[in-house]
Amino acid sequence: MKDQYIPAHPGFFVIGVLNEEDNSLTIWREPVIAWHFDEEGNGPTPTTLEGPELFSSWAVLSPGGTVTENNNCSYTYDEWLAKETGGNRRNGESS
């Protein structure tokens, strides 16, 4: 089986937290444009305009507000944000 890409519906985003030099936190997000399945059938892995996400860990925010990490753990956005930031919200981030 060859690698396959399936178009994503609008509203899915790869998200993450950046720790800035001033110790502030920035929440980033990139739109998912496709889902990637590799030649062994593993996936789906999100693909953004930057290409397939090749990180060892990733999180996708769905249109309904659920965050899924690595295809196996699901959280509400607020649960995910608290987990990633240790409960510290900065830079005007709100639910």
PDB file of N, CA and C in Angstrom:
ATOM      1  N   MET A   1       0.843  -1.188   0.000  1.00  0.00           N
ATOM      2  CA  MET A   1       0.000   0.000   0.000  1.00  0.00           C
ATOM      3  C   MET A   1       0.881   1.240   0.000  1.00  0.00           C
ATOM      4  N   LYS A   2       0.575   2.189  -0.868  1.00  0.00           N
ATOM      5  CA  LYS A   2       1.318   3.443  -0.925  1.00  0.00           C
ATOM      6  C   LYS A   2       0.773   4.406   0.123  1.00  0.00           C
ATOM      7  N   ASP A   3       1.595   5.410   0.459  1.00  0.00           N
ATOM      8  CA  ASP A   3       1.108   6.475   1.334  1.00  0.00           C
ATOM      9  C   ASP A   3      -0.148   7.074   0.713  1.00  0.00           C
ATOM     10  N   GLN A   4      -1.112   7.406   1.572  1.00  0.00           N
ATOM     11  CA  GLN A   4      -2.354   8.006   1.098  1.00  0.00           C
ATOM     12  C   GLN A   4      -2.645   9.271   1.887  1.00  0.00           C
ATOM     13  N   TYR A   5      -3.208  10.254   1.204  1.00  0.00           N
ATOM     14  CA  TYR A   5      -3.656  11.495   1.824  1.00  0.00           C
ATOM     15  C   TYR A   5      -5.138  11.662   1.538  1.00  0.00           C
ATOM     16  N   ILE A   6      -5.897  11.919   2.583  1.00  0.00           N
ATOM     17  CA  ILE A   6      -7.338  12.126   2.448  1.00  0.00           C
ATOM     18  C   ILE A   6      -7.640  13.545   2.898  1.00  0.00           C
ATOM     19  N   PRO A   7      -8.347  14.334   2.091  1.00  0.00           N
ATOM     20  CA  PRO A   7      -8.632  15.715   2.482  1.00  0.00           C
ATOM     21  C   PRO A   7      -9.359  15.790   3.828  1.00  0.00           C
ATOM     22  N   ALA A   8      -8.992  16.777   4.616  1.00  0.00           N
ATOM     23  CA  ALA A   8      -9.630  16.994   5.923  1.00  0.00           C
ATOM     24  C   ALA A   8     -10.805  17.954   5.771  1.00  0.00           C
ATOM     25  N   HIS A   9     -11.818  17.755   6.576  1.00  0.00           N
ATOM     26  CA  HIS A   9     -12.913  18.723   6.643  1.00  0.00           C
ATOM     27  C   HIS A   9     -12.404  19.979   7.347  1.00  0.00           C
ATOM     28  N   PRO A  10     -12.987  21.134   7.063  1.00  0.00           N
ATOM     29  CA  PRO A  10     -12.567  22.368   7.733  1.00  0.00           C
ATOM     30  C   PRO A  10     -12.792  22.299   9.242  1.00  0.00           C
ATOM     31  N   GLY A  11     -11.974  23.040   9.972  1.00  0.00           N
ATOM     32  CA  GLY A  11     -12.179  23.179  11.408  1.00  0.00           C
ATOM     33  C   GLY A  11     -11.275  22.326  12.275  1.00  0.00           C
ATOM     34  N   PHE A  12     -10.373  21.533  11.685  1.00  0.00           N
ATOM     35  CA  PHE A  12      -9.408  20.753  12.456  1.00  0.00           C
ATOM     36  C   PHE A  12      -8.082  21.492  12.465  1.00  0.00           C
ATOM     37  N   PHE A  13      -7.419  21.525  13.636  1.00  0.00           N
ATOM     38  CA  PHE A  13      -6.154  22.237  13.781  1.00  0.00           C
ATOM     39  C   PHE A  13      -5.158  21.407  14.576  1.00  0.00           C
ATOM     40  N   VAL A  14      -3.892  21.371  14.120  1.00  0.00           N
ATOM     41  CA  VAL A  14      -2.809  20.879  14.954  1.00  0.00           C
ATOM     42  C   VAL A  14      -2.499  22.015  15.918  1.00  0.00           C
ATOM     43  N   ILE A  15      -2.418  21.709  17.215  1.00  0.00           N
ATOM     44  CA  ILE A  15      -2.189  22.756  18.215  1.00  0.00           C
ATOM     45  C   ILE A  15      -1.009  22.388  19.105  1.00  0.00           C
ATOM     46  N   GLY A  16      -0.446  23.398  19.717  1.00  0.00           N
ATOM     47  CA  GLY A  16       0.661  23.189  20.642  1.00  0.00           C
ATOM     48  C   GLY A  16       0.885  24.414  21.494  1.00  0.00           C
ATOM     49  N   VAL A  17       1.800  24.291  22.438  1.00  0.00           N
ATOM     50  CA  VAL A  17       2.141  25.374  23.348  1.00  0.00           C
ATOM     51  C   VAL A  17       3.620  25.692  23.166  1.00  0.00           C
ATOM     52  N   LEU A  18       3.932  26.968  22.976  1.00  0.00           N
ATOM     53  CA  LEU A  18       5.318  27.419  22.903  1.00  0.00           C
ATOM     54  C   LEU A  18       5.672  28.148  24.185  1.00  0.00           C
ATOM     55  N   ASN A  19       6.799  27.810  24.769  1.00  0.00           N
ATOM     56  CA  ASN A  19       7.330  28.553  25.910  1.00  0.00           C
ATOM     57  C   ASN A  19       8.249  29.630  25.356  1.00  0.00           C
ATOM     58  N   GLU A  20       7.849  30.881  25.518  1.00  0.00           N
ATOM     59  CA  GLU A  20       8.617  32.000  24.980  1.00  0.00           C
ATOM     60  C   GLU A  20       9.808  32.324  25.882  1.00  0.00           C
ATOM     61  N   GLU A  21      10.762  33.104  25.347  1.00  0.00           N
ATOM     62  CA  GLU A  21      11.953  33.478  26.108  1.00  0.00           C
ATOM     63  C   GLU A  21      11.622  34.233  27.390  1.00  0.00           C
ATOM     64  N   ASP A  22      10.519  34.993  27.389  1.00  0.00           N
ATOM     65  CA  ASP A  22      10.129  35.759  28.578  1.00  0.00           C
ATOM     66  C   ASP A  22       9.271  34.933  29.543  1.00  0.00           C
ATOM     67  N   ASN A  23       9.256  33.605  29.337  1.00  0.00           N
ATOM     68  CA  ASN A  23       8.485  32.655  30.153  1.00  0.00           C
ATOM     69  C   ASN A  23       6.982  32.740  29.941  1.00  0.00           C
ATOM     70  N   SER A  24       6.542  33.480  28.940  1.00  0.00           N
ATOM     71  CA  SER A  24       5.116  33.491  28.616  1.00  0.00           C
ATOM     72  C   SER A  24       4.820  32.272  27.743  1.00  0.00           C
ATOM     73  N   LEU A  25       3.564  31.927  27.664  1.00  0.00           N
ATOM     74  CA  LEU A  25       3.128  30.791  26.856  1.00  0.00           C
ATOM     75  C   LEU A  25       2.294  31.283  25.683  1.00  0.00           C
ATOM     76  N   THR A  26       2.539  30.723  24.528  1.00  0.00           N
ATOM     77  CA  THR A  26       1.755  31.042  23.345  1.00  0.00           C
ATOM     78  C   THR A  26       1.134  29.755  22.817  1.00  0.00           C
ATOM     79  N   ILE A  27      -0.161  29.778  22.599  1.00  0.00           N
ATOM     80  CA  ILE A  27      -0.860  28.641  22.016  1.00  0.00           C
ATOM     81  C   ILE A  27      -0.865  28.849  20.498  1.00  0.00           C
ATOM     82  N   TRP A  28      -0.337  27.879  19.741  1.00  0.00           N
ATOM     83  CA  TRP A  28      -0.320  27.999  18.287  1.00  0.00           C
ATOM     84  C   TRP A  28      -1.241  26.948  17.682  1.00  0.00           C
ATOM     85  N   ARG A  29      -1.679  27.223  16.472  1.00  0.00           N
ATOM     86  CA  ARG A  29      -2.505  26.249  15.756  1.00  0.00           C
ATOM     87  C   ARG A  29      -2.296  26.418  14.258  1.00  0.00           C
ATOM     88  N   GLU A  30      -2.308  25.281  13.575  1.00  0.00           N
ATOM     89  CA  GLU A  30      -2.168  25.227  12.117  1.00  0.00           C
ATOM     90  C   GLU A  30      -3.331  24.409  11.573  1.00  0.00           C
ATOM     91  N   PRO A  31      -4.003  24.878  10.525  1.00  0.00           N
ATOM     92  CA  PRO A  31      -5.115  24.108   9.967  1.00  0.00           C
ATOM     93  C   PRO A  31      -4.660  22.751   9.415  1.00  0.00           C
ATOM     94  N   VAL A  32      -5.444  21.720   9.669  1.00  0.00           N
ATOM     95  CA  VAL A  32      -5.208  20.410   9.068  1.00  0.00           C
ATOM     96  C   VAL A  32      -5.853  20.428   7.690  1.00  0.00           C
ATOM     97  N   ILE A  33      -5.053  20.130   6.661  1.00  0.00           N
ATOM     98  CA  ILE A  33      -5.600  20.138   5.303  1.00  0.00           C
ATOM     99  C   ILE A  33      -5.838  18.717   4.772  1.00  0.00           C
ATOM    100  N   ALA A  34      -5.167  17.728   5.404  1.00  0.00           N
ATOM    101  CA  ALA A  34      -5.332  16.335   4.972  1.00  0.00           C
ATOM    102  C   ALA A  34      -4.929  15.411   6.106  1.00  0.00           C
ATOM    103  N   TRP A  35      -5.343  14.154   5.954  1.00  0.00           N
ATOM    104  CA  TRP A  35      -4.948  13.089   6.879  1.00  0.00           C
ATOM    105  C   TRP A  35      -4.059  12.128   6.115  1.00  0.00           C
ATOM    106  N   HIS A  36      -2.929  11.778   6.712  1.00  0.00           N
ATOM    107  CA  HIS A  36      -1.937  10.922   6.068  1.00  0.00           C
ATOM    108  C   HIS A  36      -1.963   9.520   6.665  1.00  0.00           C
ATOM    109  N   PHE A  37      -1.994   8.521   5.795  1.00  0.00           N
ATOM    110  CA  PHE A  37      -1.850   7.118   6.173  1.00  0.00           C
ATOM    111  C   PHE A  37      -0.580   6.624   5.487  1.00  0.00           C
ATOM    112  N   ASP A  38       0.363   6.069   6.265  1.00  0.00           N
ATOM    113  CA  ASP A  38       1.622   5.624   5.654  1.00  0.00           C
ATOM    114  C   ASP A  38       1.458   4.288   4.950  1.00  0.00           C
ATOM    115  N   GLU A  39       2.547   3.816   4.339  1.00  0.00           N
ATOM    116  CA  GLU A  39       2.472   2.591   3.527  1.00  0.00           C
ATOM    117  C   GLU A  39       2.115   1.347   4.332  1.00  0.00           C
ATOM    118  N   GLU A  40       2.283   1.412   5.672  1.00  0.00           N
ATOM    119  CA  GLU A  40       1.883   0.285   6.513  1.00  0.00           C
ATOM    120  C   GLU A  40       0.461   0.428   7.036  1.00  0.00           C
ATOM    121  N   GLY A  41      -0.220   1.517   6.647  1.00  0.00           N
ATOM    122  CA  GLY A  41      -1.593   1.729   7.087  1.00  0.00           C
ATOM    123  C   GLY A  41      -1.708   2.469   8.406  1.00  0.00           C
ATOM    124  N   ASN A  42      -0.577   2.945   8.948  1.00  0.00           N
ATOM    125  CA  ASN A  42      -0.616   3.705  10.201  1.00  0.00           C
ATOM    126  C   ASN A  42      -1.205   5.087   9.946  1.00  0.00           C
ATOM    127  N   GLY A  43      -1.963   5.571  10.880  1.00  0.00           N
ATOM    128  CA  GLY A  43      -2.550   6.894  10.762  1.00  0.00           C
ATOM    129  C   GLY A  43      -3.929   6.882  11.372  1.00  0.00           C
ATOM    130  N   PRO A  44      -4.658   7.923  11.196  1.00  0.00           N
ATOM    131  CA  PRO A  44      -4.282   9.092  10.413  1.00  0.00           C
ATOM    132  C   PRO A  44      -3.347  10.027  11.176  1.00  0.00           C
ATOM    133  N   THR A  45      -2.450  10.639  10.433  1.00  0.00           N
ATOM    134  CA  THR A  45      -1.564  11.666  10.952  1.00  0.00           C
ATOM    135  C   THR A  45      -1.959  12.977  10.285  1.00  0.00           C
ATOM    136  N   PRO A  46      -2.092  14.065  11.053  1.00  0.00           N
ATOM    137  CA  PRO A  46      -2.498  15.333  10.445  1.00  0.00           C
ATOM    138  C   PRO A  46      -1.424  15.893   9.525  1.00  0.00           C
ATOM    139  N   THR A  47      -1.879  16.507   8.438  1.00  0.00           N
ATOM    140  CA  THR A  47      -1.001  17.190   7.497  1.00  0.00           C
ATOM    141  C   THR A  47      -1.443  18.645   7.428  1.00  0.00           C
ATOM    142  N   THR A  48      -0.486  19.558   7.593  1.00  0.00           N
ATOM    143  CA  THR A  48      -0.763  20.993   7.500  1.00  0.00           C
ATOM    144  C   THR A  48      -0.124  21.529   6.222  1.00  0.00           C
ATOM    145  N   LEU A  49      -0.195  22.827   6.013  1.00  0.00           N
ATOM    146  CA  LEU A  49       0.460  23.427   4.852  1.00  0.00           C
ATOM    147  C   LEU A  49       1.971  23.221   4.896  1.00  0.00           C
ATOM    148  N   GLU A  50       2.506  22.974   6.088  1.00  0.00           N
ATOM    149  CA  GLU A  50       3.939  22.713   6.249  1.00  0.00           C
ATOM    150  C   GLU A  50       4.300  21.289   5.832  1.00  0.00           C
ATOM    151  N   GLY A  51       3.318  20.430   5.649  1.00  0.00           N
ATOM    152  CA  GLY A  51       3.557  19.034   5.288  1.00  0.00           C
ATOM    153  C   GLY A  51       3.058  18.110   6.379  1.00  0.00           C
ATOM    154  N   PRO A  52       3.317  16.816   6.224  1.00  0.00           N
ATOM    155  CA  PRO A  52       2.882  15.866   7.260  1.00  0.00           C
ATOM    156  C   PRO A  52       3.588  16.163   8.578  1.00  0.00           C
ATOM    157  N   GLU A  53       2.843  16.078   9.655  1.00  0.00           N
ATOM    158  CA  GLU A  53       3.438  16.292  10.975  1.00  0.00           C
ATOM    159  C   GLU A  53       4.302  15.082  11.303  1.00  0.00           C
ATOM    160  N   LEU A  54       5.576  15.316  11.508  1.00  0.00           N
ATOM    161  CA  LEU A  54       6.497  14.226  11.770  1.00  0.00           C
ATOM    162  C   LEU A  54       6.993  14.246  13.202  1.00  0.00           C
ATOM    163  N   PHE A  55       6.228  14.866  14.077  1.00  0.00           N
ATOM    164  CA  PHE A  55       6.605  14.940  15.475  1.00  0.00           C
ATOM    165  C   PHE A  55       6.331  13.598  16.155  1.00  0.00           C
ATOM    166  N   SER A  56       7.024  13.347  17.245  1.00  0.00           N
ATOM    167  CA  SER A  56       6.747  12.140  18.008  1.00  0.00           C
ATOM    168  C   SER A  56       5.433  12.281  18.767  1.00  0.00           C
ATOM    169  N   SER A  57       4.979  13.511  18.930  1.00  0.00           N
ATOM    170  CA  SER A  57       3.731  13.767  19.642  1.00  0.00           C
ATOM    171  C   SER A  57       3.020  14.941  18.985  1.00  0.00           C
ATOM    172  N   TRP A  58       1.718  14.839  18.841  1.00  0.00           N
ATOM    173  CA  TRP A  58       0.936  15.939  18.273  1.00  0.00           C
ATOM    174  C   TRP A  58      -0.465  15.910  18.860  1.00  0.00           C
ATOM    175  N   ALA A  59      -1.154  17.044  18.738  1.00  0.00           N
ATOM    176  CA  ALA A  59      -2.523  17.169  19.231  1.00  0.00           C
ATOM    177  C   ALA A  59      -3.356  17.854  18.152  1.00  0.00           C
ATOM    178  N   VAL A  60      -4.592  17.381  17.979  1.00  0.00           N
ATOM    179  CA  VAL A  60      -5.505  17.966  16.992  1.00  0.00           C
ATOM    180  C   VAL A  60      -6.757  18.434  17.706  1.00  0.00           C
ATOM    181  N   LEU A  61      -7.106  19.702  17.477  1.00  0.00           N
ATOM    182  CA  LEU A  61      -8.347  20.282  17.972  1.00  0.00           C
ATOM    183  C   LEU A  61      -9.417  20.087  16.908  1.00  0.00           C
ATOM    184  N   SER A  62     -10.538  19.464  17.285  1.00  0.00           N
ATOM    185  CA  SER A  62     -11.638  19.213  16.344  1.00  0.00           C
ATOM    186  C   SER A  62     -12.629  20.373  16.381  1.00  0.00           C
ATOM    187  N   PRO A  63     -13.490  20.468  15.381  1.00  0.00           N
ATOM    188  CA  PRO A  63     -14.497  21.537  15.373  1.00  0.00           C
ATOM    189  C   PRO A  63     -15.396  21.519  16.610  1.00  0.00           C
ATOM    190  N   GLY A  64     -15.611  20.359  17.204  1.00  0.00           N
ATOM    191  CA  GLY A  64     -16.457  20.245  18.391  1.00  0.00           C
ATOM    192  C   GLY A  64     -15.752  20.591  19.696  1.00  0.00           C
ATOM    193  N   GLY A  65     -14.449  20.907  19.628  1.00  0.00           N
ATOM    194  CA  GLY A  65     -13.721  21.309  20.818  1.00  0.00           C
ATOM    195  C   GLY A  65     -12.950  20.205  21.514  1.00  0.00           C
ATOM    196  N   THR A  66     -12.965  18.995  20.954  1.00  0.00           N
ATOM    197  CA  THR A  66     -12.212  17.886  21.540  1.00  0.00           C
ATOM    198  C   THR A  66     -10.783  17.916  21.010  1.00  0.00           C
ATOM    199  N   VAL A  67      -9.828  17.649  21.890  1.00  0.00           N
ATOM    200  CA  VAL A  67      -8.426  17.559  21.500  1.00  0.00           C
ATOM    201  C   VAL A  67      -8.020  16.092  21.573  1.00  0.00           C
ATOM    202  N   THR A  68      -7.461  15.583  20.481  1.00  0.00           N
ATOM    203  CA  THR A  68      -6.973  14.204  20.425  1.00  0.00           C
ATOM    204  C   THR A  68      -5.468  14.236  20.252  1.00  0.00           C
ATOM    205  N   GLU A  69      -4.763  13.489  21.116  1.00  0.00           N
ATOM    206  CA  GLU A  69      -3.310  13.397  21.020  1.00  0.00           C
ATOM    207  C   GLU A  69      -2.920  12.040  20.456  1.00  0.00           C
ATOM    208  N   ASN A  70      -2.124  12.076  19.410  1.00  0.00           N
ATOM    209  CA  ASN A  70      -1.554  10.852  18.840  1.00  0.00           C
ATOM    210  C   ASN A  70      -2.586   9.751  18.594  1.00  0.00           C
ATOM    211  N   ASN A  71      -3.775  10.119  18.207  1.00  0.00           N
ATOM    212  CA  ASN A  71      -4.863   9.184  17.876  1.00  0.00           C
ATOM    213  C   ASN A  71      -5.336   8.327  19.035  1.00  0.00           C
ATOM    214  N   ASN A  72      -4.957   8.646  20.285  1.00  0.00           N
ATOM    215  CA  ASN A  72      -5.408   7.744  21.333  1.00  0.00           C
ATOM    216  C   ASN A  72      -5.889   8.402  22.618  1.00  0.00           C
ATOM    217  N   CYS A  73      -5.583   9.627  22.901  1.00  0.00           N
ATOM    218  CA  CYS A  73      -6.050  10.285  24.125  1.00  0.00           C
ATOM    219  C   CYS A  73      -6.916  11.472  23.739  1.00  0.00           C
ATOM    220  N   SER A  74      -8.096  11.579  24.336  1.00  0.00           N
ATOM    221  CA  SER A  74      -8.986  12.696  24.039  1.00  0.00           C
ATOM    222  C   SER A  74      -9.246  13.510  25.290  1.00  0.00           C
ATOM    223  N   TYR A  75      -9.292  14.819  25.106  1.00  0.00           N
ATOM    224  CA  TYR A  75      -9.519  15.770  26.185  1.00  0.00           C
ATOM    225  C   TYR A  75     -10.464  16.858  25.680  1.00  0.00           C
ATOM    226  N   THR A  76     -11.093  17.568  26.609  1.00  0.00           N
ATOM    227  CA  THR A  76     -11.707  18.832  26.211  1.00  0.00           C
ATOM    228  C   THR A  76     -10.554  19.808  25.992  1.00  0.00           C
ATOM    229  N   TYR A  77     -10.810  20.894  25.293  1.00  0.00           N
ATOM    230  CA  TYR A  77      -9.750  21.884  25.072  1.00  0.00           C
ATOM    231  C   TYR A  77      -9.204  22.382  26.405  1.00  0.00           C
ATOM    232  N   ASP A  78     -10.091  22.680  27.363  1.00  0.00           N
ATOM    233  CA  ASP A  78      -9.644  23.184  28.663  1.00  0.00           C
ATOM    234  C   ASP A  78      -8.788  22.161  29.410  1.00  0.00           C
ATOM    235  N   GLU A  79      -9.151  20.871  29.340  1.00  0.00           N
ATOM    236  CA  GLU A  79      -8.339  19.830  29.983  1.00  0.00           C
ATOM    237  C   GLU A  79      -6.962  19.751  29.339  1.00  0.00           C
ATOM    238  N   TRP A  80      -6.928  19.780  28.006  1.00  0.00           N
ATOM    239  CA  TRP A  80      -5.657  19.712  27.290  1.00  0.00           C
ATOM    240  C   TRP A  80      -4.787  20.910  27.639  1.00  0.00           C
ATOM    241  N   LEU A  81      -5.389  22.110  27.636  1.00  0.00           N
ATOM    242  CA  LEU A  81      -4.636  23.325  27.926  1.00  0.00           C
ATOM    243  C   LEU A  81      -4.063  23.285  29.343  1.00  0.00           C
ATOM    244  N   ALA A  82      -4.854  22.837  30.308  1.00  0.00           N
ATOM    245  CA  ALA A  82      -4.366  22.735  31.690  1.00  0.00           C
ATOM    246  C   ALA A  82      -3.224  21.731  31.784  1.00  0.00           C
ATOM    247  N   LYS A  83      -3.338  20.619  31.065  1.00  0.00           N
ATOM    248  CA  LYS A  83      -2.279  19.599  31.071  1.00  0.00           C
ATOM    249  C   LYS A  83      -0.988  20.147  30.476  1.00  0.00           C
ATOM    250  N   GLU A  84      -1.104  20.862  29.370  1.00  0.00           N
ATOM    251  CA  GLU A  84       0.072  21.375  28.668  1.00  0.00           C
ATOM    252  C   GLU A  84       0.733  22.557  29.371  1.00  0.00           C
ATOM    253  N   THR A  85      -0.042  23.327  30.098  1.00  0.00           N
ATOM    254  CA  THR A  85       0.494  24.542  30.719  1.00  0.00           C
ATOM    255  C   THR A  85       0.639  24.418  32.228  1.00  0.00           C
ATOM    256  N   GLY A  86       0.292  23.257  32.770  1.00  0.00           N
ATOM    257  CA  GLY A  86       0.326  23.114  34.230  1.00  0.00           C
ATOM    258  C   GLY A  86      -0.720  23.982  34.890  1.00  0.00           C
ATOM    259  N   GLY A  87      -1.773  24.332  34.163  1.00  0.00           N
ATOM    260  CA  GLY A  87      -2.851  25.168  34.693  1.00  0.00           C
ATOM    261  C   GLY A  87      -2.574  26.656  34.590  1.00  0.00           C
ATOM    262  N   ASN A  88      -1.447  27.042  33.980  1.00  0.00           N
ATOM    263  CA  ASN A  88      -1.085  28.466  33.855  1.00  0.00           C
ATOM    264  C   ASN A  88      -1.488  28.990  32.497  1.00  0.00           C
ATOM    265  N   ARG A  89      -2.453  29.884  32.463  1.00  0.00           N
ATOM    266  CA  ARG A  89      -2.861  30.516  31.199  1.00  0.00           C
ATOM    267  C   ARG A  89      -2.263  31.902  31.141  1.00  0.00           C
ATOM    268  N   ARG A  90      -1.674  32.183  29.976  1.00  0.00           N
ATOM    269  CA  ARG A  90      -1.056  33.503  29.787  1.00  0.00           C
ATOM    270  C   ARG A  90      -1.382  33.996  28.389  1.00  0.00           C
ATOM    271  N   ASN A  91      -0.956  35.221  28.108  1.00  0.00           N
ATOM    272  CA  ASN A  91      -1.163  35.832  26.797  1.00  0.00           C
ATOM    273  C   ASN A  91      -2.631  35.890  26.399  1.00  0.00           C
ATOM    274  N   GLY A  92      -3.502  36.079  27.392  1.00  0.00           N
ATOM    275  CA  GLY A  92      -4.919  36.260  27.088  1.00  0.00           C
ATOM    276  C   GLY A  92      -5.640  35.002  26.665  1.00  0.00           C
ATOM    277  N   GLU A  93      -5.046  33.836  26.853  1.00  0.00           N
ATOM    278  CA  GLU A  93      -5.691  32.579  26.448  1.00  0.00           C
ATOM    279  C   GLU A  93      -6.875  32.300  27.335  1.00  0.00           C
ATOM    280  N   SER A  94      -7.984  32.005  26.733  1.00  0.00           N
ATOM    281  CA  SER A  94      -9.199  31.667  27.490  1.00  0.00           C
ATOM    282  C   SER A  94      -9.896  30.527  26.783  1.00  0.00           C
ATOM    283  N   SER A  95     -10.864  29.950  27.472  1.00  0.00           N
ATOM    284  CA  SER A  95     -11.587  28.824  26.867  1.00  0.00           C
ATOM    285  C   SER A  95     -12.679  29.312  25.950  1.00  0.00           C
TER     286      SER A  95
END
